[in-house]
Full PDB file with SEQRES, HELIX, SHEET, SSBOND, CRYST1, ORIGX, SCALE, CONECT and MASTER records, all heavy atoms in Angstrom:
SEQRES   1 A   43  LYS THR ASP THR VAL GLN LEU LEU ASN LYS VAL THR ILE          
SEQRES   2 A   43  LYS ASN VAL ALA ASN GLY GLN THR MET THR TYR THR ILE          
SEQRES   3 A   43  VAL SER GLU ASN GLU ALA ASN LEU LYS GLU ARG LYS ILE          
SEQRES   4 A   43  ALA ILE SER THR                                              
HELIX    1 AA1 GLU A   29  GLU A   31  5                                   3    
HELIX    2 AA2 LEU A   34  GLU A   36  5                                   3    
SHEET    1 AA1 3 LYS A  10  LYS A  14  0                                        
SHEET    2 AA1 3 THR A  21  VAL A  27 -1                                        
SHEET    3 AA1 3 LYS A  38  ALA A  40  1                                        
CRYST1    1.000    1.000    1.000  90.00  90.00  90.00 P 1           1          
ORIGX1      1.000000  0.000000  0.000000        0.00000                         
ORIGX2      0.000000  1.000000  0.000000        0.00000                         
ORIGX3      0.000000  0.000000  1.000000        0.00000                         
SCALE1      1.000000  0.000000  0.000000        0.00000                         
SCALE2      0.000000  1.000000  0.000000        0.00000                         
SCALE3      0.000000  0.000000  1.000000        0.00000                         
ATOM      1  N   LYS A   1     156.283  96.812-256.692  1.00  0.00           N  
ATOM      2  CA  LYS A   1     154.840  96.877-256.509  1.00  0.00           C  
ATOM      3  C   LYS A   1     154.304  98.112-257.227  1.00  0.00           C  
ATOM      4  O   LYS A   1     155.054  99.034-257.526  1.00  0.00           O  
ATOM      5  CB  LYS A   1     154.507  96.937-255.022  1.00  0.00           C  
ATOM      6  CG  LYS A   1     154.875  95.669-254.264  1.00  0.00           C  
ATOM      7  CD  LYS A   1     154.471  95.802-252.806  1.00  0.00           C  
ATOM      8  CE  LYS A   1     154.553  94.531-252.045  1.00  0.00           C  
ATOM      9  NZ  LYS A   1     155.767  93.884-251.862  1.00  0.00           N  
ATOM     10  N   THR A   2     152.987  98.116-257.456  1.00  0.00           N  
ATOM     11  CA  THR A   2     152.379  99.251-258.144  1.00  0.00           C  
ATOM     12  C   THR A   2     151.245  99.879-257.334  1.00  0.00           C  
ATOM     13  O   THR A   2     150.447 100.620-257.871  1.00  0.00           O  
ATOM     14  CB  THR A   2     151.852  98.829-259.526  1.00  0.00           C  
ATOM     15  OG1 THR A   2     150.913  97.772-259.352  1.00  0.00           O  
ATOM     16  CG2 THR A   2     152.968  98.393-260.446  1.00  0.00           C  
ATOM     17  N   ASP A   3     151.172  99.575-256.031  1.00  0.00           N  
ATOM     18  CA  ASP A   3     150.112 100.183-255.223  1.00  0.00           C  
ATOM     19  C   ASP A   3     150.412 101.657-254.942  1.00  0.00           C  
ATOM     20  O   ASP A   3     149.507 102.474-254.848  1.00  0.00           O  
ATOM     21  CB  ASP A   3     149.859  99.392-253.931  1.00  0.00           C  
ATOM     22  CG  ASP A   3     151.127  99.099-253.143  1.00  0.00           C  
ATOM     23  OD1 ASP A   3     152.223  99.176-253.727  1.00  0.00           O  
ATOM     24  OD2 ASP A   3     151.018  98.785-251.951  1.00  0.00           O  
ATOM     25  N   THR A   4     151.678 102.003-254.812  1.00  0.00           N  
ATOM     26  CA  THR A   4     152.090 103.410-254.707  1.00  0.00           C  
ATOM     27  C   THR A   4     153.286 103.614-255.630  1.00  0.00           C  
ATOM     28  O   THR A   4     153.973 102.666-255.995  1.00  0.00           O  
ATOM     29  CB  THR A   4     152.510 103.786-253.266  1.00  0.00           C  
ATOM     30  OG1 THR A   4     153.619 102.982-252.880  1.00  0.00           O  
ATOM     31  CG2 THR A   4     151.361 103.630-252.274  1.00  0.00           C  
ATOM     32  N   VAL A   5     153.518 104.869-255.980  1.00  0.00           N  
ATOM     33  CA  VAL A   5     154.627 105.202-256.878  1.00  0.00           C  
ATOM     34  C   VAL A   5     155.951 104.984-256.144  1.00  0.00           C  
ATOM     35  O   VAL A   5     156.124 105.417-255.012  1.00  0.00           O  
ATOM     36  CB  VAL A   5     154.526 106.668-257.349  1.00  0.00           C  
ATOM     37  CG1 VAL A   5     155.719 107.029-258.226  1.00  0.00           C  
ATOM     38  CG2 VAL A   5     153.222 106.909-258.097  1.00  0.00           C  
ATOM     39  N   GLN A   6     156.873 104.280-256.810  1.00  0.00           N  
ATOM     40  CA  GLN A   6     158.202 104.042-256.265  1.00  0.00           C  
ATOM     41  C   GLN A   6     159.214 103.990-257.398  1.00  0.00           C  
ATOM     42  O   GLN A   6     158.850 104.025-258.572  1.00  0.00           O  
ATOM     43  CB  GLN A   6     158.229 102.756-255.442  1.00  0.00           C  
ATOM     44  CG  GLN A   6     157.884 101.512-256.237  1.00  0.00           C  
ATOM     45  CD  GLN A   6     157.872 100.249-255.379  1.00  0.00           C  
ATOM     46  OE1 GLN A   6     158.323 100.251-254.259  1.00  0.00           O  
ATOM     47  NE2 GLN A   6     157.366  99.173-255.930  1.00  0.00           N  
ATOM     48  N   LEU A   7     160.485 103.893-257.023  1.00  0.00           N  
ATOM     49  CA  LEU A   7     161.561 103.798-257.991  1.00  0.00           C  
ATOM     50  C   LEU A   7     161.286 102.663-258.969  1.00  0.00           C  
ATOM     51  O   LEU A   7     160.822 101.599-258.567  1.00  0.00           O  
ATOM     52  CB  LEU A   7     162.888 103.550-257.250  1.00  0.00           C  
ATOM     53  CG  LEU A   7     164.165 103.582-258.073  1.00  0.00           C  
ATOM     54  CD1 LEU A   7     164.424 104.992-258.591  1.00  0.00           C  
ATOM     55  CD2 LEU A   7     165.345 103.126-257.239  1.00  0.00           C  
ATOM     56  N   LEU A   8     161.516 102.909-260.238  1.00  0.00           N  
ATOM     57  CA  LEU A   8     161.348 101.989-261.370  1.00  0.00           C  
ATOM     58  C   LEU A   8     159.897 101.794-261.804  1.00  0.00           C  
ATOM     59  O   LEU A   8     159.642 101.021-262.713  1.00  0.00           O  
ATOM     60  CB  LEU A   8     162.008 100.626-261.115  1.00  0.00           C  
ATOM     61  CG  LEU A   8     163.515 100.678-260.935  1.00  0.00           C  
ATOM     62  CD1 LEU A   8     164.092  99.274-260.834  1.00  0.00           C  
ATOM     63  CD2 LEU A   8     164.195 101.419-262.077  1.00  0.00           C  
ATOM     64  N   ASN A   9     158.961 102.499-261.181  1.00  0.00           N  
ATOM     65  CA  ASN A   9     157.586 102.442-261.670  1.00  0.00           C  
ATOM     66  C   ASN A   9     157.447 103.339-262.884  1.00  0.00           C  
ATOM     67  O   ASN A   9     158.096 104.372-263.001  1.00  0.00           O  
ATOM     68  CB  ASN A   9     156.581 102.917-260.619  1.00  0.00           C  
ATOM     69  CG  ASN A   9     156.261 101.890-259.562  1.00  0.00           C  
ATOM     70  OD1 ASN A   9     155.897 102.250-258.462  1.00  0.00           O  
ATOM     71  ND2 ASN A   9     156.376 100.619-259.865  1.00  0.00           N  
ATOM     72  N   LYS A  10     156.562 102.924-263.785  1.00  0.00           N  
ATOM     73  CA  LYS A  10     156.141 103.755-264.902  1.00  0.00           C  
ATOM     74  C   LYS A  10     154.862 104.430-264.429  1.00  0.00           C  
ATOM     75  O   LYS A  10     153.931 103.750-263.995  1.00  0.00           O  
ATOM     76  CB  LYS A  10     155.890 102.895-266.140  1.00  0.00           C  
ATOM     77  CG  LYS A  10     155.615 103.704-267.389  1.00  0.00           C  
ATOM     78  CD  LYS A  10     155.402 102.805-268.586  1.00  0.00           C  
ATOM     79  CE  LYS A  10     156.740 102.265-269.044  1.00  0.00           C  
ATOM     80  NZ  LYS A  10     156.664 101.570-270.323  1.00  0.00           N  
ATOM     81  N   VAL A  11     154.813 105.750-264.476  1.00  0.00           N  
ATOM     82  CA  VAL A  11     153.685 106.501-263.943  1.00  0.00           C  
ATOM     83  C   VAL A  11     153.083 107.365-265.044  1.00  0.00           C  
ATOM     84  O   VAL A  11     153.794 108.130-265.694  1.00  0.00           O  
ATOM     85  CB  VAL A  11     154.125 107.410-262.769  1.00  0.00           C  
ATOM     86  CG1 VAL A  11     152.935 108.106-262.150  1.00  0.00           C  
ATOM     87  CG2 VAL A  11     154.897 106.632-261.733  1.00  0.00           C  
ATOM     88  N   THR A  12     151.776 107.234-265.240  1.00  0.00           N  
ATOM     89  CA  THR A  12     151.062 108.102-266.171  1.00  0.00           C  
ATOM     90  C   THR A  12     150.358 109.158-265.332  1.00  0.00           C  
ATOM     91  O   THR A  12     149.596 108.829-264.416  1.00  0.00           O  
ATOM     92  CB  THR A  12     150.044 107.312-267.011  1.00  0.00           C  
ATOM     93  OG1 THR A  12     150.749 106.307-267.745  1.00  0.00           O  
ATOM     94  CG2 THR A  12     149.316 108.215-267.996  1.00  0.00           C  
ATOM     95  N   ILE A  13     150.663 110.419-265.642  1.00  0.00           N  
ATOM     96  CA  ILE A  13     150.062 111.529-264.905  1.00  0.00           C  
ATOM     97  C   ILE A  13     149.342 112.454-265.879  1.00  0.00           C  
ATOM     98  O   ILE A  13     149.682 112.507-267.064  1.00  0.00           O  
ATOM     99  CB  ILE A  13     151.122 112.329-264.107  1.00  0.00           C  
ATOM    100  CG1 ILE A  13     152.252 112.819-265.025  1.00  0.00           C  
ATOM    101  CG2 ILE A  13     151.661 111.508-262.956  1.00  0.00           C  
ATOM    102  CD1 ILE A  13     153.285 113.705-264.331  1.00  0.00           C  
ATOM    103  N   LYS A  14     148.335 113.144-265.356  1.00  0.00           N  
ATOM    104  CA  LYS A  14     147.589 114.100-266.172  1.00  0.00           C  
ATOM    105  C   LYS A  14     147.757 115.480-265.557  1.00  0.00           C  
ATOM    106  O   LYS A  14     147.568 115.656-264.348  1.00  0.00           O  
ATOM    107  CB  LYS A  14     146.108 113.723-266.221  1.00  0.00           C  
ATOM    108  CG  LYS A  14     145.258 114.703-267.041  1.00  0.00           C  
ATOM    109  CD  LYS A  14     143.847 114.206-267.264  1.00  0.00           C  
ATOM    110  CE  LYS A  14     143.031 114.376-265.991  1.00  0.00           C  
ATOM    111  NZ  LYS A  14     141.605 114.058-266.180  1.00  0.00           N  
ATOM    112  N   ASN A  15     148.106 116.439-266.385  1.00  0.00           N  
ATOM    113  CA  ASN A  15     148.174 117.824-265.960  1.00  0.00           C  
ATOM    114  C   ASN A  15     146.733 118.293-265.806  1.00  0.00           C  
ATOM    115  O   ASN A  15     145.994 118.378-266.772  1.00  0.00           O  
ATOM    116  CB  ASN A  15     148.929 118.649-267.003  1.00  0.00           C  
ATOM    117  CG  ASN A  15     149.075 120.103-266.616  1.00  0.00           C  
ATOM    118  OD1 ASN A  15     148.235 120.678-265.941  1.00  0.00           O  
ATOM    119  ND2 ASN A  15     150.170 120.697-267.079  1.00  0.00           N  
ATOM    120  N   VAL A  16     146.319 118.599-264.580  1.00  0.00           N  
ATOM    121  CA  VAL A  16     144.927 118.959-264.303  1.00  0.00           C  
ATOM    122  C   VAL A  16     144.531 120.235-265.041  1.00  0.00           C  
ATOM    123  O   VAL A  16     143.399 120.366-265.500  1.00  0.00           O  
ATOM    124  CB  VAL A  16     144.696 119.082-262.771  1.00  0.00           C  
ATOM    125  CG1 VAL A  16     143.325 119.624-262.456  1.00  0.00           C  
ATOM    126  CG2 VAL A  16     144.910 117.733-262.104  1.00  0.00           C  
ATOM    127  N   ALA A  17     145.454 121.175-265.214  1.00  0.00           N  
ATOM    128  CA  ALA A  17     145.150 122.455-265.856  1.00  0.00           C  
ATOM    129  C   ALA A  17     144.798 122.321-267.333  1.00  0.00           C  
ATOM    130  O   ALA A  17     143.866 122.950-267.823  1.00  0.00           O  
ATOM    131  CB  ALA A  17     146.318 123.423-265.682  1.00  0.00           C  
ATOM    132  N   ASN A  18     145.534 121.470-268.071  1.00  0.00           N  
ATOM    133  CA  ASN A  18     145.300 121.391-269.517  1.00  0.00           C  
ATOM    134  C   ASN A  18     144.883 120.001-270.002  1.00  0.00           C  
ATOM    135  O   ASN A  18     144.656 119.801-271.191  1.00  0.00           O  
ATOM    136  CB  ASN A  18     146.525 121.881-270.300  1.00  0.00           C  
ATOM    137  CG  ASN A  18     147.746 121.014-270.080  1.00  0.00           C  
ATOM    138  OD1 ASN A  18     147.665 119.887-269.615  1.00  0.00           O  
ATOM    139  ND2 ASN A  18     148.905 121.560-270.433  1.00  0.00           N  
ATOM    140  N   GLY A  19     144.818 119.029-269.114  1.00  0.00           N  
ATOM    141  CA  GLY A  19     144.364 117.683-269.489  1.00  0.00           C  
ATOM    142  C   GLY A  19     145.405 116.837-270.205  1.00  0.00           C  
ATOM    143  O   GLY A  19     145.133 115.700-270.582  1.00  0.00           O  
ATOM    144  N   GLN A  20     146.595 117.365-270.393  1.00  0.00           N  
ATOM    145  CA  GLN A  20     147.657 116.624-271.093  1.00  0.00           C  
ATOM    146  C   GLN A  20     148.171 115.488-270.207  1.00  0.00           C  
ATOM    147  O   GLN A  20     148.407 115.670-269.020  1.00  0.00           O  
ATOM    148  CB  GLN A  20     148.800 117.571-271.446  1.00  0.00           C  
ATOM    149  CG  GLN A  20     149.941 116.907-272.195  1.00  0.00           C  
ATOM    150  CD  GLN A  20     151.081 117.882-272.474  1.00  0.00           C  
ATOM    151  OE1 GLN A  20     151.080 119.027-272.026  1.00  0.00           O  
ATOM    152  NE2 GLN A  20     152.068 117.408-273.208  1.00  0.00           N  
ATOM    153  N   THR A  21     148.342 114.293-270.805  1.00  0.00           N  
ATOM    154  CA  THR A  21     148.885 113.170-270.042  1.00  0.00           C  
ATOM    155  C   THR A  21     150.323 112.897-270.487  1.00  0.00           C  
ATOM    156  O   THR A  21     150.680 113.116-271.651  1.00  0.00           O  
ATOM    157  CB  THR A  21     148.053 111.885-270.200  1.00  0.00           C  
ATOM    158  OG1 THR A  21     148.048 111.502-271.567  1.00  0.00           O  
ATOM    159  CG2 THR A  21     146.630 112.076-269.699  1.00  0.00           C  
ATOM    160  N   MET A  22     151.120 112.422-269.525  1.00  0.00           N  
ATOM    161  CA  MET A  22     152.521 112.095-269.768  1.00  0.00           C  
ATOM    162  C   MET A  22     152.833 110.824-269.000  1.00  0.00           C  
ATOM    163  O   MET A  22     152.254 110.599-267.937  1.00  0.00           O  
ATOM    164  CB  MET A  22     153.439 113.209-269.265  1.00  0.00           C  
ATOM    165  CG  MET A  22     153.199 114.557-269.898  1.00  0.00           C  
ATOM    166  SD  MET A  22     153.664 115.903-268.780  1.00  0.00           S  
ATOM    167  CE  MET A  22     152.180 116.059-267.817  1.00  0.00           C  
ATOM    168  N   THR A  23     153.716 110.022-269.542  1.00  0.00           N  
ATOM    169  CA  THR A  23     154.145 108.813-268.849  1.00  0.00           C  
ATOM    170  C   THR A  23     155.652 108.867-268.666  1.00  0.00           C  
ATOM    171  O   THR A  23     156.396 109.114-269.617  1.00  0.00           O  
ATOM    172  CB  THR A  23     153.748 107.550-269.646  1.00  0.00           C  
ATOM    173  OG1 THR A  23     152.335 107.555-269.819  1.00  0.00           O  
ATOM    174  CG2 THR A  23     154.165 106.290-268.916  1.00  0.00           C  
ATOM    175  N   TYR A  24     156.082 108.660-267.421  1.00  0.00           N  
ATOM    176  CA  TYR A  24     157.504 108.662-267.083  1.00  0.00           C  
ATOM    177  C   TYR A  24     157.838 107.417-266.288  1.00  0.00           C  
ATOM    178  O   TYR A  24     157.003 106.895-265.550  1.00  0.00           O  
ATOM    179  CB  TYR A  24     157.871 109.880-266.216  1.00  0.00           C  
ATOM    180  CG  TYR A  24     157.681 111.206-266.892  1.00  0.00           C  
ATOM    181  CD1 TYR A  24     156.651 112.052-266.501  1.00  0.00           C  
ATOM    182  CD2 TYR A  24     158.536 111.630-267.894  1.00  0.00           C  
ATOM    183  CE1 TYR A  24     156.469 113.285-267.111  1.00  0.00           C  
ATOM    184  CE2 TYR A  24     158.359 112.861-268.511  1.00  0.00           C  
ATOM    185  CZ  TYR A  24     157.322 113.683-268.107  1.00  0.00           C  
ATOM    186  OH  TYR A  24     157.159 114.898-268.710  1.00  0.00           O  
ATOM    187  N   THR A  25     159.069 106.975-266.412  1.00  0.00           N  
ATOM    188  CA  THR A  25     159.594 105.934-265.541  1.00  0.00           C  
ATOM    189  C   THR A  25     160.534 106.633-264.568  1.00  0.00           C  
ATOM    190  O   THR A  25     161.389 107.421-264.977  1.00  0.00           O  
ATOM    191  CB  THR A  25     160.360 104.862-266.340  1.00  0.00           C  
ATOM    192  OG1 THR A  25     159.475 104.295-267.312  1.00  0.00           O  
ATOM    193  CG2 THR A  25     160.879 103.764-265.419  1.00  0.00           C  
ATOM    194  N   ILE A  26     160.372 106.338-263.281  1.00  0.00           N  
ATOM    195  CA  ILE A  26     161.210 106.962-262.256  1.00  0.00           C  
ATOM    196  C   ILE A  26     162.434 106.075-262.045  1.00  0.00           C  
ATOM    197  O   ILE A  26     162.300 104.891-261.726  1.00  0.00           O  
ATOM    198  CB  ILE A  26     160.420 107.161-260.953  1.00  0.00           C  
ATOM    199  CG1 ILE A  26     159.230 108.088-261.230  1.00  0.00           C  
ATOM    200  CG2 ILE A  26     161.325 107.731-259.862  1.00  0.00           C  
ATOM    201  CD1 ILE A  26     158.294 108.274-260.069  1.00  0.00           C  
ATOM    202  N   VAL A  27     163.607 106.653-262.270  1.00  0.00           N  
ATOM    203  CA  VAL A  27     164.861 105.895-262.225  1.00  0.00           C  
ATOM    204  C   VAL A  27     165.886 106.613-261.352  1.00  0.00           C  
ATOM    205  O   VAL A  27     165.665 107.732-260.905  1.00  0.00           O  
ATOM    206  CB  VAL A  27     165.436 105.695-263.649  1.00  0.00           C  
ATOM    207  CG1 VAL A  27     164.502 104.865-264.530  1.00  0.00           C  
ATOM    208  CG2 VAL A  27     165.721 107.033-264.321  1.00  0.00           C  
ATOM    209  N   SER A  28     167.031 105.962-261.126  1.00  0.00           N  
ATOM    210  CA  SER A  28     168.124 106.598-260.387  1.00  0.00           C  
ATOM    211  C   SER A  28     168.730 107.710-261.246  1.00  0.00           C  
ATOM    212  O   SER A  28     168.515 107.754-262.458  1.00  0.00           O  
ATOM    213  CB  SER A  28     169.182 105.557-260.026  1.00  0.00           C  
ATOM    214  OG  SER A  28     169.751 105.024-261.200  1.00  0.00           O  
ATOM    215  N   GLU A  29     169.498 108.591-260.611  1.00  0.00           N  
ATOM    216  CA  GLU A  29     170.067 109.744-261.310  1.00  0.00           C  
ATOM    217  C   GLU A  29     170.886 109.349-262.530  1.00  0.00           C  
ATOM    218  O   GLU A  29     170.791 109.965-263.573  1.00  0.00           O  
ATOM    219  CB  GLU A  29     170.950 110.572-260.357  1.00  0.00           C  
ATOM    220  CG  GLU A  29     170.194 111.428-259.378  1.00  0.00           C  
ATOM    221  CD  GLU A  29     169.570 110.651-258.224  1.00  0.00           C  
ATOM    222  OE1 GLU A  29     169.925 109.465-258.009  1.00  0.00           O  
ATOM    223  OE2 GLU A  29     168.717 111.215-257.534  1.00  0.00           O  
ATOM    224  N   ASN A  30     171.675 108.299-262.400  1.00  0.00           N  
ATOM    225  CA  ASN A  30     172.571 107.926-263.500  1.00  0.00           C  
ATOM    226  C   ASN A  30     171.855 107.259-264.667  1.00  0.00           C  
ATOM    227  O   ASN A  30     172.435 107.086-265.733  1.00  0.00           O  
ATOM    228  CB  ASN A  30     173.707 107.030-262.993  1.00  0.00           C  
ATOM    229  CG  ASN A  30     173.205 105.741-262.389  1.00  0.00           C  
ATOM    230  OD1 ASN A  30     172.385 105.763-261.480  1.00  0.00           O  
ATOM    231  ND2 ASN A  30     173.687 104.624-262.881  1.00  0.00           N  
ATOM    232  N   GLU A  31     170.587 106.884-264.510  1.00  0.00           N  
ATOM    233  CA  GLU A  31     169.846 106.269-265.601  1.00  0.00           C  
ATOM    234  C   GLU A  31     168.842 107.223-266.238  1.00  0.00           C  
ATOM    235  O   GLU A  31     168.171 106.868-267.198  1.00  0.00           O  
ATOM    236  CB  GLU A  31     169.111 105.014-265.105  1.00  0.00           C  
ATOM    237  CG  GLU A  31     170.058 103.903-264.701  1.00  0.00           C  
ATOM    238  CD  GLU A  31     169.326 102.639-264.278  1.00  0.00           C  
ATOM    239  OE1 GLU A  31     168.746 101.972-265.160  1.00  0.00           O  
ATOM    240  OE2 GLU A  31     169.328 102.330-263.074  1.00  0.00           O  
ATOM    241  N   ALA A  32     168.732 108.441-265.708  1.00  0.00           N  
ATOM    242  CA  ALA A  32     167.764 109.408-266.231  1.00  0.00           C  
ATOM    243  C   ALA A  32     168.077 109.748-267.685  1.00  0.00           C  
ATOM    244  O   ALA A  32     169.228 109.904-268.068  1.00  0.00           O  
ATOM    245  CB  ALA A  32     167.774 110.667-265.375  1.00  0.00           C  
ATOM    246  N   ASN A  33     167.016 109.836-268.489  1.00  0.00           N  
ATOM    247  CA  ASN A  33     167.155 110.168-269.903  1.00  0.00           C  
ATOM    248  C   ASN A  33     165.789 110.651-270.371  1.00  0.00           C  
ATOM    249  O   ASN A  33     164.879 109.847-270.591  1.00  0.00           O  
ATOM    250  CB  ASN A  33     167.611 108.942-270.698  1.00  0.00           C  
ATOM    251  CG  ASN A  33     167.809 109.251-272.158  1.00  0.00           C  
ATOM    252  OD1 ASN A  33     167.229 110.192-272.706  1.00  0.00           O  
ATOM    253  ND2 ASN A  33     168.625 108.451-272.813  1.00  0.00           N  
ATOM    254  N   LEU A  34     165.641 111.958-270.517  1.00  0.00           N  
ATOM    255  CA  LEU A  34     164.337 112.521-270.843  1.00  0.00           C  
ATOM    256  C   LEU A  34     163.812 112.044-272.196  1.00  0.00           C  
ATOM    257  O   LEU A  34     162.612 111.870-272.359  1.00  0.00           O  
ATOM    258  CB  LEU A  34     164.397 114.047-270.794  1.00  0.00           C  
ATOM    259  CG  LEU A  34     163.099 114.758-270.457  1.00  0.00           C  
ATOM    260  CD1 LEU A  34     162.409 114.168-269.239  1.00  0.00           C  
ATOM    261  CD2 LEU A  34     163.328 116.239-270.266  1.00  0.00           C  
ATOM    262  N   LYS A  35     164.717 111.794-273.141  1.00  0.00           N  
ATOM    263  CA  LYS A  35     164.278 111.290-274.455  1.00  0.00           C  
ATOM    264  C   LYS A  35     163.581 109.935-274.322  1.00  0.00           C  
ATOM    265  O   LYS A  35     162.675 109.616-275.089  1.00  0.00           O  
ATOM    266  CB  LYS A  35     165.469 111.161-275.410  1.00  0.00           C  
ATOM    267  CG  LYS A  35     165.988 112.477-275.913  1.00  0.00           C  
ATOM    268  CD  LYS A  35     167.159 112.266-276.858  1.00  0.00           C  
ATOM    269  CE  LYS A  35     167.781 113.595-277.217  1.00  0.00           C  
ATOM    270  NZ  LYS A  35     169.071 113.448-277.872  1.00  0.00           N  
ATOM    271  N   GLU A  36     164.029 109.135-273.357  1.00  0.00           N  
ATOM    272  CA  GLU A  36     163.416 107.825-273.114  1.00  0.00           C  
ATOM    273  C   GLU A  36     162.309 107.913-272.064  1.00  0.00           C  
ATOM    274  O   GLU A  36     161.801 106.892-271.610  1.00  0.00           O  
ATOM    275  CB  GLU A  36     164.490 106.828-272.650  1.00  0.00           C  
ATOM    276  CG  GLU A  36     165.537 106.540-273.697  1.00  0.00           C  
ATOM    277  CD  GLU A  36     166.642 105.620-273.186  1.00  0.00           C  
ATOM    278  OE1 GLU A  36     166.515 105.057-272.074  1.00  0.00           O  
ATOM    279  OE2 GLU A  36     167.642 105.459-273.909  1.00  0.00           O  
ATOM    280  N   ARG A  37     161.961 109.148-271.659  1.00  0.00           N  
ATOM    281  CA  ARG A  37     160.919 109.403-270.656  1.00  0.00           C  
ATOM    282  C   ARG A  37     161.272 108.779-269.305  1.00  0.00           C  
ATOM    283  O   ARG A  37     160.422 108.281-268.594  1.00  0.00           O  
ATOM    284  CB  ARG A  37     159.553 108.950-271.124  1.00  0.00           C  
ATOM    285  CG  ARG A  37     159.293 109.436-272.532  1.00  0.00           C  
ATOM    286  CD  ARG A  37     158.170 110.112-273.021  1.00  0.00           C  
ATOM    287  NE  ARG A  37     157.055 110.835-272.695  1.00  0.00           N  
ATOM    288  CZ  ARG A  37     157.000 112.151-272.496  1.00  0.00           C  
ATOM    289  NH1 ARG A  37     158.095 112.839-272.413  1.00  0.00           N  
ATOM    290  NH2 ARG A  37     155.873 112.787-272.349  1.00  0.00           N  
ATOM    291  N   LYS A  38     162.563 108.817-268.969  1.00  0.00           N  
ATOM    292  CA  LYS A  38     163.047 108.330-267.679  1.00  0.00           C  
ATOM    293  C   LYS A  38     163.498 109.544-266.876  1.00  0.00           C  
ATOM    294  O   LYS A  38     164.417 110.248-267.295  1.00  0.00           O  
ATOM    295  CB  LYS A  38     164.223 107.361-267.858  1.00  0.00           C  
ATOM    296  CG  LYS A  38     163.852 106.076-268.553  1.00  0.00           C  
ATOM    297  CD  LYS A  38     165.070 105.186-268.727  1.00  0.00           C  
ATOM    298  CE  LYS A  38     164.695 103.867-269.387  1.00  0.00           C  
ATOM    299  NZ  LYS A  38     165.872 103.006-269.542  1.00  0.00           N  
ATOM    300  N   ILE A  39     162.825 109.771-265.733  1.00  0.00           N  
ATOM    301  CA  ILE A  39     163.196 110.923-264.904  1.00  0.00           C  
ATOM    302  C   ILE A  39     163.834 110.445-263.604  1.00  0.00           C  
ATOM    303  O   ILE A  39     163.448 109.417-263.054  1.00  0.00           O  
ATOM    304  CB  ILE A  39     161.992 111.856-264.624  1.00  0.00           C  
ATOM    305  CG1 ILE A  39     160.868 111.138-263.887  1.00  0.00           C  
ATOM    306  CG2 ILE A  39     161.512 112.509-265.909  1.00  0.00           C  
ATOM    307  CD1 ILE A  39     159.741 112.048-263.416  1.00  0.00           C  
ATOM    308  N   ALA A  40     164.797 111.224-263.148  1.00  0.00           N  
ATOM    309  CA  ALA A  40     165.524 110.878-261.921  1.00  0.00           C  
ATOM    310  C   ALA A  40     164.623 111.039-260.709  1.00  0.00           C  
ATOM    311  O   ALA A  40     163.797 111.941-260.644  1.00  0.00           O  
ATOM    312  CB  ALA A  40     166.762 111.758-261.774  1.00  0.00           C  
ATOM    313  N   ILE A  41     164.807 110.155-259.760  1.00  0.00           N  
ATOM    314  CA  ILE A  41     164.018 110.176-258.531  1.00  0.00           C  
ATOM    315  C   ILE A  41     164.236 111.467-257.751  1.00  0.00           C  
ATOM    316  O   ILE A  41     163.423 111.851-256.918  1.00  0.00           O  
ATOM    317  CB  ILE A  41     164.297 108.928-257.662  1.00  0.00           C  
ATOM    318  CG1 ILE A  41     163.228 108.801-256.581  1.00  0.00           C  
ATOM    319  CG2 ILE A  41     165.703 108.958-257.101  1.00  0.00           C  
ATOM    320  CD1 ILE A  41     162.985 107.406-256.118  1.00  0.00           C  
ATOM    321  N   SER A  42     165.327 112.180-258.034  1.00  0.00           N  
ATOM    322  CA  SER A  42     165.635 113.426-257.333  1.00  0.00           C  
ATOM    323  C   SER A  42     164.947 114.645-257.940  1.00  0.00           C  
ATOM    324  O   SER A  42     165.030 115.734-257.380  1.00  0.00           O  
ATOM    325  CB  SER A  42     167.147 113.648-257.324  1.00  0.00           C  
ATOM    326  OG  SER A  42     167.619 113.742-258.649  1.00  0.00           O  
ATOM    327  N   THR A  43     164.248 114.494-259.074  1.00  0.00           N  
ATOM    328  CA  THR A  43     163.576 115.630-259.701  1.00  0.00           C  
ATOM    329  C   THR A  43     162.332 116.014-258.906  1.00  0.00           C  
ATOM    330  O   THR A  43     161.741 115.178-258.219  1.00  0.00           O  
ATOM    331  CB  THR A  43     163.157 115.312-261.157  1.00  0.00           C  
ATOM    332  OG1 THR A  43     162.232 114.226-261.136  1.00  0.00           O  
ATOM    333  CG2 THR A  43     164.367 114.973-262.020  1.00  0.00           C  
TER     334      THR A  43                                                      
MASTER        0    0    0    2    3    0    0    6  333    1    0    4          
END                                                                             
């Protein structure tokens, strides 16, 4: 579902201080890969 952020969601966030936006997919630890913009749920 996409009503709230959960594992395997792609989330676009904006840094309020500088307005920069970033998109990450939240994945399990073993699938994390910053080059692919996949961050571990434990971060």
